[in-house]
Amino acid sequence: MSHVGLFGLILNLVIGVMAAVAVLQARKKHGDPYLAPLFFHTLFYTLGVFCLLVFGYIVINITQGIGPALPPVLSETGILMVTVSEVGMVVMMLGFNLALHGKTISAFWKKLLGAAAAFYLISYGLKYLLPVDGELYRILYRFQFEIFDNFLIFEVPILLYFLFRLKKISDPHKKRLIRGAVFLYGGRYVFVLVIILFIILFLPRNFRIRTDPEPLARILIYGLSLFFFTVFNLIPWIWLRLFYRKYAEHRASLKPDHSGLEEIVKRYRISKREFEILELILNGKSNREIKDALFISYHTVKNHVYNLFQKTGVKTRYELIHLASGWKTRRISAEGSEMEEE
């Protein structure tokens, strides 16, 4: 059964890599800023699965003959790597939801997160300089283990906060996109809660997964764990297929009549090069496609897009397209009024 668990982790590792590649391809094609933190969130989760795979393999095939426990160095390294994975997932989930709302992590919070990470790493190294039976060692060990064991739960308040902020979004398509992400990623914790309740209500109180002789119970737990990891790994792909694709198709359909862009150029003092990039954005081109079309560097494209956002006061491509659509509507209304006067 242990080797079946390793096979399940390998399968999930492959699925995680494929999900990360799918997010990266969508990012390259459409250039939406919130796809970058989603990509790294998927990578951090895959890193956690990889750590479980490596240390599971060591326990089963290498340390089996010398006892059930891992050597201290390997055990500490494993805890550190999984903790990095969990912290990275929480930070990227925050960045993902902020970007969906057209915002970014502020400089203050970036510094605070950096300081917290530095403190954690220093405490990790400090533990090796302290006597094992000392009180400070026990405090640091407990602190690190609590982060390892519980930090991922901080995704829940992040998801709830952005769920409540949905009422401030007027665009129904953007609201559906964000709601899909919140419910899919929040649903993971509902699923975990259901498993915990199942174990509490239906398994014997004296059940232990490592020692219980009942094979059916062990198969059930391993099966639920495998299903748990597989569903989690599929969430980015499901969100892209069910929510993001429809949102991208709707956004691409909002292509205004370019003949009405002269007013935007005059009002916001847009340069000739910025106007060329604006036209390509309105045609649904990504930053990399714009780079290839105009034979300029990717960094230059990003600078011009940033300048367009600054001049027009928008934060996303979707808002820029809506702005152009609004000018088109005003232009058509003005032409209609002139025809009525004639």
Foldseek 3Di string as FASTA:
>chain_A
DLVVLLVLLVVLLVLLVVLLVVLVVVCQFQVQPLSVLVSQLSVLLSQLSVLCNVVSCCQPPPCVVVDNDDDPVSVLVSLVSLLVSLVSNLQSLLQNLQSLVLHGDDPVVVVVVVVVVVVLVVLSVVLVVDDCPDPSNVVSVVVSVCSSVPVNVSSQVSLVVSLVVLVVDDDPLSSQLSVLLSCLVNVLVVLVVVVVVCCVPPPDPPDDLVDDPPVVVVVVVSVSVSVSSNSVSCSSVCSCVPRVVVSLVVLQVLQFDLVLCVVVCVVLVQDPVLSVLLNVLSNSGHLVRVCVVVVHDSVVSVVSVVSVCVSVVHRTSSVSSVVSSVSRVVVVVVVVVVVVVD
